[in-house]
Amino acid sequence: MKKAFAVLLLVLSIGSCFGAPASRAANIVLISGEYEYFSSNSLPAFKQLLETNYHFHCTYLERTTGNDIPGIEALDSADLAIIFIRRMTLPDDQLARLKTFVALGKPVIGLRTASHAFENWKEWDHEVLGGNYHMHHGNKLVATARINKENGSHPILKNVAAEFETAGSLYKTKPLGPNTTMLLIGSVEGQEPEPMAWTHEYQGARVFYTSLGHPKDFENPSVRNLLVNAVFWCLGKTPSSTEPLPKKTQ
């Protein structure tokens, strides 16, 4: 399952031409707290992409055995948090630190299981992410992602394919909450489509969530562009360039 990590490292060999150093590099904290989708591989690789190609300052944190996230105090000086956590019961002091972060209006990106990240903060999905996770369709049903044409000009969708196949099961996420903008729509055969990626506003902060996050999703340049664009959008910035998509074969 480390193929996605290798693919992202290959992307780094393209060079650091995608973004120029900012006057002050934004501080981004990436937190892995799940064991199903190998975020302990994909997030460090994505961290390296952000640092090498876009010159951000990144801190990677990883869940230990149990419900502890050592180093979570890094949130105190962070400009953006990227959350890939599943059903954790955070210690009170760590949960308080995260709640303070979002209460201050700091932007957040949630990946896949972040919709059900905390057993002791169930309101997180509705209130912060603007979502409505209630299980998923079968793992054997291939999910297709399509850009929501109504919001096709959104900067997060720049250089993202209009349609592409995803690797993980399709999450059931509708209806979304108010103050959301749906960007990607997911579908599987014989079922109603579901929101797959959207933005939300919480306490004045920009929030982005996507149910993408399977290791194979990170092998797709459209997904990598989606996430890079989301990082810049959440920070109120614009990337100077994104990764080229493969040319379609005739």
C-alpha atoms as a PDB file:
ATOM      1  CA  MET A   1       0.000   0.000   0.000  1.00  0.00           C
ATOM      2  CA  LYS A   2       3.028   2.254  -0.227  1.00  0.00           C
ATOM      3  CA  LYS A   3       2.614   2.813  -3.973  1.00  0.00           C
ATOM      4  CA  ALA A   4       0.893   6.162  -3.404  1.00  0.00           C
ATOM      5  CA  PHE A   5       3.890   7.297  -1.361  1.00  0.00           C
ATOM      6  CA  ALA A   6       6.217   6.354  -4.212  1.00  0.00           C
ATOM      7  CA  VAL A   7       4.037   8.144  -6.757  1.00  0.00           C
ATOM      8  CA  LEU A   8       4.088  11.350  -4.748  1.00  0.00           C
ATOM      9  CA  LEU A   9       7.850  11.162  -4.416  1.00  0.00           C
ATOM     10  CA  LEU A  10       8.023  10.800  -8.194  1.00  0.00           C
ATOM     11  CA  VAL A  11       5.983  13.977  -8.536  1.00  0.00           C
ATOM     12  CA  LEU A  12       8.639  15.783  -6.514  1.00  0.00           C
ATOM     13  CA  SER A  13      11.212  14.914  -9.161  1.00  0.00           C
ATOM     14  CA  ILE A  14       9.374  17.232 -11.545  1.00  0.00           C
ATOM     15  CA  GLY A  15      10.979  20.043  -9.595  1.00  0.00           C
ATOM     16  CA  SER A  16       9.931  22.920  -7.423  1.00  0.00           C
ATOM     17  CA  CYS A  17       8.633  25.101 -10.232  1.00  0.00           C
ATOM     18  CA  PHE A  18       4.997  24.937  -9.134  1.00  0.00           C
ATOM     19  CA  GLY A  19       5.171  27.683  -6.508  1.00  0.00           C
ATOM     20  CA  ALA A  20       7.470  30.485  -5.470  1.00  0.00           C
ATOM     21  CA  PRO A  21       8.457  30.980  -1.840  1.00  0.00           C
ATOM     22  CA  ALA A  22       6.130  33.314   0.032  1.00  0.00           C
ATOM     23  CA  SER A  23       7.409  36.127   2.248  1.00  0.00           C
ATOM     24  CA  ARG A  24       6.375  33.982   5.198  1.00  0.00           C
ATOM     25  CA  ALA A  25       5.729  30.316   4.622  1.00  0.00           C
ATOM     26  CA  ALA A  26       2.380  29.286   6.040  1.00  0.00           C
ATOM     27  CA  ASN A  27       2.500  26.717   8.834  1.00  0.00           C
ATOM     28  CA  ILE A  28       0.481  23.598   8.033  1.00  0.00           C
ATOM     29  CA  VAL A  29      -0.136  20.761  10.484  1.00  0.00           C
ATOM     30  CA  LEU A  30      -1.084  17.371   9.018  1.00  0.00           C
ATOM     31  CA  ILE A  31      -2.574  14.848  11.451  1.00  0.00           C
ATOM     32  CA  SER A  32      -2.889  11.100  10.771  1.00  0.00           C
ATOM     33  CA  GLY A  33      -5.187   9.288  13.170  1.00  0.00           C
ATOM     34  CA  GLU A  34      -6.654   6.292  11.353  1.00  0.00           C
ATOM     35  CA  TYR A  35      -5.510   2.799  10.399  1.00  0.00           C
ATOM     36  CA  GLU A  36      -7.714   1.881   7.414  1.00  0.00           C
ATOM     37  CA  TYR A  37      -6.325   4.055   4.617  1.00  0.00           C
ATOM     38  CA  PHE A  38      -2.602   4.250   5.401  1.00  0.00           C
ATOM     39  CA  SER A  39      -2.626   7.996   5.981  1.00  0.00           C
ATOM     40  CA  SER A  40       0.643   7.415   7.840  1.00  0.00           C
ATOM     41  CA  ASN A  41       2.109   6.941   4.345  1.00  0.00           C
ATOM     42  CA  SER A  42       0.069   9.358   2.237  1.00  0.00           C
ATOM     43  CA  LEU A  43       0.184  12.371   4.546  1.00  0.00           C
ATOM     44  CA  PRO A  44       3.986  12.416   4.941  1.00  0.00           C
ATOM     45  CA  ALA A  45       4.292  12.158   1.139  1.00  0.00           C
ATOM     46  CA  PHE A  46       1.791  14.999   0.688  1.00  0.00           C
ATOM     47  CA  LYS A  47       3.721  16.999   3.303  1.00  0.00           C
ATOM     48  CA  GLN A  48       6.878  16.590   1.267  1.00  0.00           C
ATOM     49  CA  LEU A  49       5.078  17.717  -1.885  1.00  0.00           C
ATOM     50  CA  LEU A  50       3.816  20.858  -0.123  1.00  0.00           C
ATOM     51  CA  GLU A  51       7.238  21.653   1.264  1.00  0.00           C
ATOM     52  CA  THR A  52       9.272  20.923  -1.866  1.00  0.00           C
ATOM     53  CA  ASN A  53       7.009  22.246  -4.608  1.00  0.00           C
ATOM     54  CA  TYR A  54       5.136  24.982  -2.748  1.00  0.00           C
ATOM     55  CA  HIS A  55       7.516  25.982   0.043  1.00  0.00           C
ATOM     56  CA  PHE A  56       5.122  25.626   2.957  1.00  0.00           C
ATOM     57  CA  HIS A  57       6.356  24.852   6.453  1.00  0.00           C
ATOM     58  CA  CYS A  58       4.677  21.583   7.473  1.00  0.00           C
ATOM     59  CA  THR A  59       4.473  19.534  10.655  1.00  0.00           C
ATOM     60  CA  TYR A  60       3.293  15.924  10.529  1.00  0.00           C
ATOM     61  CA  LEU A  61       1.647  14.386  13.599  1.00  0.00           C
ATOM     62  CA  GLU A  62       0.635  10.762  14.022  1.00  0.00           C
ATOM     63  CA  ARG A  63      -1.684   8.959  16.400  1.00  0.00           C
ATOM     64  CA  THR A  64       0.057   6.605  18.795  1.00  0.00           C
ATOM     65  CA  THR A  65      -1.459   3.402  20.133  1.00  0.00           C
ATOM     66  CA  GLY A  66      -4.693   4.464  21.764  1.00  0.00           C
ATOM     67  CA  ASN A  67      -6.027   7.989  21.427  1.00  0.00           C
ATOM     68  CA  ASP A  68      -3.007  10.200  21.874  1.00  0.00           C
ATOM     69  CA  ILE A  69      -1.575  12.616  19.280  1.00  0.00           C
ATOM     70  CA  PRO A  70       1.865  13.691  20.501  1.00  0.00           C
ATOM     71  CA  GLY A  71       2.875  17.207  19.510  1.00  0.00           C
ATOM     72  CA  ILE A  72      -0.646  18.497  18.948  1.00  0.00           C
ATOM     73  CA  GLU A  73       0.465  21.777  20.532  1.00  0.00           C
ATOM     74  CA  ALA A  74       1.822  22.555  17.041  1.00  0.00           C
ATOM     75  CA  LEU A  75      -1.725  23.706  16.302  1.00  0.00           C
ATOM     76  CA  ASP A  76      -1.086  26.762  18.462  1.00  0.00           C
ATOM     77  CA  SER A  77       1.085  28.318  15.733  1.00  0.00           C
ATOM     78  CA  ALA A  78      -0.532  26.669  12.698  1.00  0.00           C
ATOM     79  CA  ASP A  79      -2.246  28.522   9.858  1.00  0.00           C
ATOM     80  CA  LEU A  80      -4.035  25.421   8.548  1.00  0.00           C
ATOM     81  CA  ALA A  81      -4.833  21.933   9.850  1.00  0.00           C
ATOM     82  CA  ILE A  82      -5.253  18.894   7.593  1.00  0.00           C
ATOM     83  CA  ILE A  83      -7.182  16.195   9.460  1.00  0.00           C
ATOM     84  CA  PHE A  84      -7.237  12.490   8.527  1.00  0.00           C
ATOM     85  CA  ILE A  85      -8.560  10.921  11.741  1.00  0.00           C
ATOM     86  CA  ARG A  86     -11.080   8.148  12.383  1.00  0.00           C
ATOM     87  CA  ARG A  87     -13.215   7.651  15.511  1.00  0.00           C
ATOM     88  CA  MET A  88     -10.749   8.892  18.103  1.00  0.00           C
ATOM     89  CA  THR A  89     -11.610   9.843  21.661  1.00  0.00           C
ATOM     90  CA  LEU A  90      -9.095  12.597  22.165  1.00  0.00           C
ATOM     91  CA  PRO A  91      -7.900  13.421  25.689  1.00  0.00           C
ATOM     92  CA  ASP A  92      -9.700  16.468  27.038  1.00  0.00           C
ATOM     93  CA  ASP A  93      -6.685  18.748  26.759  1.00  0.00           C
ATOM     94  CA  GLN A  94      -5.995  17.746  23.157  1.00  0.00           C
ATOM     95  CA  LEU A  95      -9.632  18.121  22.140  1.00  0.00           C
ATOM     96  CA  ALA A  96      -9.720  21.545  23.789  1.00  0.00           C
ATOM     97  CA  ARG A  97      -6.662  22.576  21.787  1.00  0.00           C
ATOM     98  CA  LEU A  98      -8.337  21.553  18.519  1.00  0.00           C
ATOM     99  CA  LYS A  99     -11.583  23.289  19.472  1.00  0.00           C
ATOM    100  CA  THR A 100      -9.641  26.449  20.243  1.00  0.00           C
ATOM    101  CA  PHE A 101      -7.949  26.244  16.845  1.00  0.00           C
ATOM    102  CA  VAL A 102     -11.244  26.172  14.938  1.00  0.00           C
ATOM    103  CA  ALA A 103     -12.916  28.680  17.279  1.00  0.00           C
ATOM    104  CA  LEU A 104     -10.217  31.171  16.316  1.00  0.00           C
ATOM    105  CA  GLY A 105     -11.346  30.926  12.711  1.00  0.00           C
ATOM    106  CA  LYS A 106      -8.379  28.895  11.490  1.00  0.00           C
ATOM    107  CA  PRO A 107      -8.974  26.959   8.243  1.00  0.00           C
ATOM    108  CA  VAL A 108      -9.356  23.185   8.181  1.00  0.00           C
ATOM    109  CA  ILE A 109      -9.139  20.451   5.533  1.00  0.00           C
ATOM    110  CA  GLY A 110     -10.812  17.127   6.309  1.00  0.00           C
ATOM    111  CA  LEU A 111      -9.958  13.963   4.389  1.00  0.00           C
ATOM    112  CA  ARG A 112     -12.211  10.906   4.131  1.00  0.00           C
ATOM    113  CA  THR A 113     -12.653   9.538   7.685  1.00  0.00           C
ATOM    114  CA  ALA A 114     -12.394  13.055   9.070  1.00  0.00           C
ATOM    115  CA  SER A 115     -16.187  13.103   8.712  1.00  0.00           C
ATOM    116  CA  HIS A 116     -16.313  10.741  11.696  1.00  0.00           C
ATOM    117  CA  ALA A 117     -13.075  11.772  13.328  1.00  0.00           C
ATOM    118  CA  PHE A 118     -14.015  12.173  16.990  1.00  0.00           C
ATOM    119  CA  GLU A 119     -16.117  10.024  19.290  1.00  0.00           C
ATOM    120  CA  ASN A 120     -16.188  12.837  21.853  1.00  0.00           C
ATOM    121  CA  TRP A 121     -17.057  15.603  19.365  1.00  0.00           C
ATOM    122  CA  LYS A 122     -19.823  14.164  17.203  1.00  0.00           C
ATOM    123  CA  GLU A 123     -20.977  17.665  16.192  1.00  0.00           C
ATOM    124  CA  TRP A 124     -17.676  18.165  14.322  1.00  0.00           C
ATOM    125  CA  ASP A 125     -19.010  16.779  11.029  1.00  0.00           C
ATOM    126  CA  HIS A 126     -22.140  18.946  10.923  1.00  0.00           C
ATOM    127  CA  GLU A 127     -20.817  22.097  12.542  1.00  0.00           C
ATOM    128  CA  VAL A 128     -17.252  22.384  11.263  1.00  0.00           C
ATOM    129  CA  LEU A 129     -17.196  20.365   8.034  1.00  0.00           C
ATOM    130  CA  GLY A 130     -20.788  21.056   7.019  1.00  0.00           C
ATOM    131  CA  GLY A 131     -21.283  17.367   6.261  1.00  0.00           C
ATOM    132  CA  ASN A 132     -23.716  14.590   7.064  1.00  0.00           C
ATOM    133  CA  TYR A 133     -21.831  11.298   7.067  1.00  0.00           C
ATOM    134  CA  HIS A 134     -24.027   8.235   7.574  1.00  0.00           C
ATOM    135  CA  MET A 135     -22.054   5.182   6.434  1.00  0.00           C
ATOM    136  CA  HIS A 136     -21.098   4.242   2.877  1.00  0.00           C
ATOM    137  CA  HIS A 137     -22.030   2.140  -0.119  1.00  0.00           C
ATOM    138  CA  GLY A 138     -20.457  -1.249  -0.752  1.00  0.00           C
ATOM    139  CA  ASN A 139     -16.698  -1.462  -1.101  1.00  0.00           C
ATOM    140  CA  LYS A 140     -17.006  -3.361  -4.387  1.00  0.00           C
ATOM    141  CA  LEU A 141     -19.011  -0.592  -6.080  1.00  0.00           C
ATOM    142  CA  VAL A 142     -16.692   1.558  -8.178  1.00  0.00           C
ATOM    143  CA  ALA A 143     -17.315   5.239  -7.472  1.00  0.00           C
ATOM    144  CA  THR A 144     -16.957   7.930 -10.129  1.00  0.00           C
ATOM    145  CA  ALA A 145     -16.232  11.546  -9.244  1.00  0.00           C
ATOM    146  CA  ARG A 146     -17.648  14.331 -11.417  1.00  0.00           C
ATOM    147  CA  ILE A 147     -17.198  18.063 -11.150  1.00  0.00           C
ATOM    148  CA  ASN A 148     -20.371  19.869 -10.120  1.00  0.00           C
ATOM    149  CA  LYS A 149     -20.910  22.023 -13.200  1.00  0.00           C
ATOM    150  CA  GLU A 150     -22.695  24.692 -11.175  1.00  0.00           C
ATOM    151  CA  ASN A 151     -19.416  25.421  -9.395  1.00  0.00           C
ATOM    152  CA  GLY A 152     -17.000  24.304 -12.086  1.00  0.00           C
ATOM    153  CA  SER A 153     -15.061  27.570 -12.047  1.00  0.00           C
ATOM    154  CA  HIS A 154     -14.167  27.265  -8.355  1.00  0.00           C
ATOM    155  CA  PRO A 155     -10.386  27.620  -7.867  1.00  0.00           C
ATOM    156  CA  ILE A 156     -10.176  24.313  -5.994  1.00  0.00           C
ATOM    157  CA  LEU A 157     -11.211  22.563  -9.204  1.00  0.00           C
ATOM    158  CA  LYS A 158      -8.445  24.058 -11.338  1.00  0.00           C
ATOM    159  CA  ASN A 159      -6.713  21.332 -13.354  1.00  0.00           C
ATOM    160  CA  VAL A 160      -8.998  18.630 -11.972  1.00  0.00           C
ATOM    161  CA  ALA A 161     -10.468  16.232 -14.529  1.00  0.00           C
ATOM    162  CA  ALA A 162     -14.191  16.654 -15.187  1.00  0.00           C
ATOM    163  CA  GLU A 163     -14.687  12.974 -14.386  1.00  0.00           C
ATOM    164  CA  PHE A 164     -12.458  10.323 -12.861  1.00  0.00           C
ATOM    165  CA  GLU A 165     -12.673   6.964 -11.139  1.00  0.00           C
ATOM    166  CA  THR A 166     -12.000   6.766  -7.406  1.00  0.00           C
ATOM    167  CA  ALA A 167     -10.723   3.908  -5.290  1.00  0.00           C
ATOM    168  CA  GLY A 168     -12.634   3.954  -2.013  1.00  0.00           C
ATOM    169  CA  SER A 169     -16.274   3.255  -1.277  1.00  0.00           C
ATOM    170  CA  LEU A 170     -18.711   6.104  -1.829  1.00  0.00           C
ATOM    171  CA  TYR A 171     -19.641   7.832   1.417  1.00  0.00           C
ATOM    172  CA  LYS A 172     -23.245   8.774   2.091  1.00  0.00           C
ATOM    173  CA  THR A 173     -23.015  12.484   2.900  1.00  0.00           C
ATOM    174  CA  LYS A 174     -26.227  14.229   1.876  1.00  0.00           C
ATOM    175  CA  PRO A 175     -27.854  16.499   2.619  1.00  0.00           C
ATOM    176  CA  LEU A 176     -25.068  18.981   3.237  1.00  0.00           C
ATOM    177  CA  GLY A 177     -25.454  21.792   5.722  1.00  0.00           C
ATOM    178  CA  PRO A 178     -25.925  25.479   4.949  1.00  0.00           C
ATOM    179  CA  ASN A 179     -22.962  27.594   3.859  1.00  0.00           C
ATOM    180  CA  THR A 180     -21.580  24.727   1.786  1.00  0.00           C
ATOM    181  CA  THR A 181     -20.514  24.747  -1.866  1.00  0.00           C
ATOM    182  CA  MET A 182     -20.499  21.323  -3.519  1.00  0.00           C
ATOM    183  CA  LEU A 183     -17.537  20.779  -5.835  1.00  0.00           C
ATOM    184  CA  LEU A 184     -17.471  17.056  -6.629  1.00  0.00           C
ATOM    185  CA  ILE A 185     -20.357  14.635  -6.977  1.00  0.00           C
ATOM    186  CA  GLY A 186     -19.787  10.902  -6.498  1.00  0.00           C
ATOM    187  CA  SER A 187     -21.894   8.138  -7.957  1.00  0.00           C
ATOM    188  CA  VAL A 188     -22.091   4.344  -8.034  1.00  0.00           C
ATOM    189  CA  GLU A 189     -24.301   2.193 -10.218  1.00  0.00           C
ATOM    190  CA  GLY A 190     -27.901   1.945  -9.088  1.00  0.00           C
ATOM    191  CA  GLN A 191     -27.678   4.548  -6.313  1.00  0.00           C
ATOM    192  CA  GLU A 192     -28.371   8.239  -5.922  1.00  0.00           C
ATOM    193  CA  PRO A 193     -25.301  10.484  -6.247  1.00  0.00           C
ATOM    194  CA  GLU A 194     -23.616  11.854  -3.135  1.00  0.00           C
ATOM    195  CA  PRO A 195     -21.536  14.961  -2.419  1.00  0.00           C
ATOM    196  CA  MET A 196     -17.856  13.975  -2.590  1.00  0.00           C
ATOM    197  CA  ALA A 197     -16.085  17.294  -2.000  1.00  0.00           C
ATOM    198  CA  TRP A 198     -17.269  20.674  -0.793  1.00  0.00           C
ATOM    199  CA  THR A 199     -16.322  23.869   0.976  1.00  0.00           C
ATOM    200  CA  HIS A 200     -17.864  25.223   4.144  1.00  0.00           C
ATOM    201  CA  GLU A 201     -17.556  28.275   6.365  1.00  0.00           C
ATOM    202  CA  TYR A 202     -17.143  27.943  10.113  1.00  0.00           C
ATOM    203  CA  GLN A 203     -16.433  30.808  12.509  1.00  0.00           C
ATOM    204  CA  GLY A 204     -15.387  32.867   9.502  1.00  0.00           C
ATOM    205  CA  ALA A 205     -12.799  30.272   8.446  1.00  0.00           C
ATOM    206  CA  ARG A 206     -12.575  28.428   5.146  1.00  0.00           C
ATOM    207  CA  VAL A 207     -13.151  24.688   5.431  1.00  0.00           C
ATOM    208  CA  PHE A 208     -12.718  22.022   2.768  1.00  0.00           C
ATOM    209  CA  TYR A 209     -13.732  18.367   2.988  1.00  0.00           C
ATOM    210  CA  THR A 210     -13.522  15.443   0.595  1.00  0.00           C
ATOM    211  CA  SER A 211     -14.416  11.799   1.104  1.00  0.00           C
ATOM    212  CA  LEU A 212     -11.478  10.931  -1.166  1.00  0.00           C
ATOM    213  CA  GLY A 213      -8.439   9.567   0.639  1.00  0.00           C
ATOM    214  CA  HIS A 214      -7.914   5.935  -0.347  1.00  0.00           C
ATOM    215  CA  PRO A 215      -4.197   5.300  -1.035  1.00  0.00           C
ATOM    216  CA  LYS A 216      -4.920   4.861  -4.744  1.00  0.00           C
ATOM    217  CA  ASP A 217      -6.681   8.242  -4.819  1.00  0.00           C
ATOM    218  CA  PHE A 218      -3.342   9.881  -4.038  1.00  0.00           C
ATOM    219  CA  GLU A 219      -1.921   8.310  -7.207  1.00  0.00           C
ATOM    220  CA  ASN A 220      -4.342  10.402  -9.283  1.00  0.00           C
ATOM    221  CA  PRO A 221      -2.972  13.846 -10.306  1.00  0.00           C
ATOM    222  CA  SER A 222      -6.525  15.233 -10.279  1.00  0.00           C
ATOM    223  CA  VAL A 223      -6.806  14.360  -6.596  1.00  0.00           C
ATOM    224  CA  ARG A 224      -3.387  15.803  -5.813  1.00  0.00           C
ATOM    225  CA  ASN A 225      -4.328  19.021  -7.639  1.00  0.00           C
ATOM    226  CA  LEU A 226      -7.645  19.120  -5.783  1.00  0.00           C
ATOM    227  CA  LEU A 227      -5.842  18.936  -2.441  1.00  0.00           C
ATOM    228  CA  VAL A 228      -3.117  21.417  -3.347  1.00  0.00           C
ATOM    229  CA  ASN A 229      -5.741  23.861  -4.615  1.00  0.00           C
ATOM    230  CA  ALA A 230      -7.705  23.354  -1.392  1.00  0.00           C
ATOM    231  CA  VAL A 231      -4.640  24.192   0.692  1.00  0.00           C
ATOM    232  CA  PHE A 232      -4.106  27.455  -1.188  1.00  0.00           C
ATOM    233  CA  TRP A 233      -7.821  28.317  -1.153  1.00  0.00           C
ATOM    234  CA  CYS A 234      -8.109  27.730   2.582  1.00  0.00           C
ATOM    235  CA  LEU A 235      -5.164  30.067   3.096  1.00  0.00           C
ATOM    236  CA  GLY A 236      -6.608  32.704   0.776  1.00  0.00           C
ATOM    237  CA  LYS A 237      -3.836  32.194  -1.757  1.00  0.00           C
ATOM    238  CA  THR A 238      -3.497  30.977  -5.349  1.00  0.00           C
ATOM    239  CA  PRO A 239      -0.929  28.428  -6.563  1.00  0.00           C
ATOM    240  CA  SER A 240       1.226  29.677  -9.420  1.00  0.00           C
ATOM    241  CA  SER A 241       0.789  26.313 -11.127  1.00  0.00           C
ATOM    242  CA  THR A 242      -0.531  22.801 -10.598  1.00  0.00           C
ATOM    243  CA  GLU A 243       0.508  19.375 -11.771  1.00  0.00           C
ATOM    244  CA  PRO A 244      -0.148  18.626 -15.465  1.00  0.00           C
ATOM    245  CA  LEU A 245      -2.807  15.991 -16.121  1.00  0.00           C
ATOM    246  CA  PRO A 246      -1.989  13.055 -18.385  1.00  0.00           C
ATOM    247  CA  LYS A 247      -3.046  13.547 -21.981  1.00  0.00           C
ATOM    248  CA  LYS A 248      -6.077  11.567 -23.008  1.00  0.00           C
ATOM    249  CA  THR A 249      -5.395   8.706 -25.371  1.00  0.00           C
ATOM    250  CA  GLN A 250      -7.451   8.467 -28.529  1.00  0.00           C
END
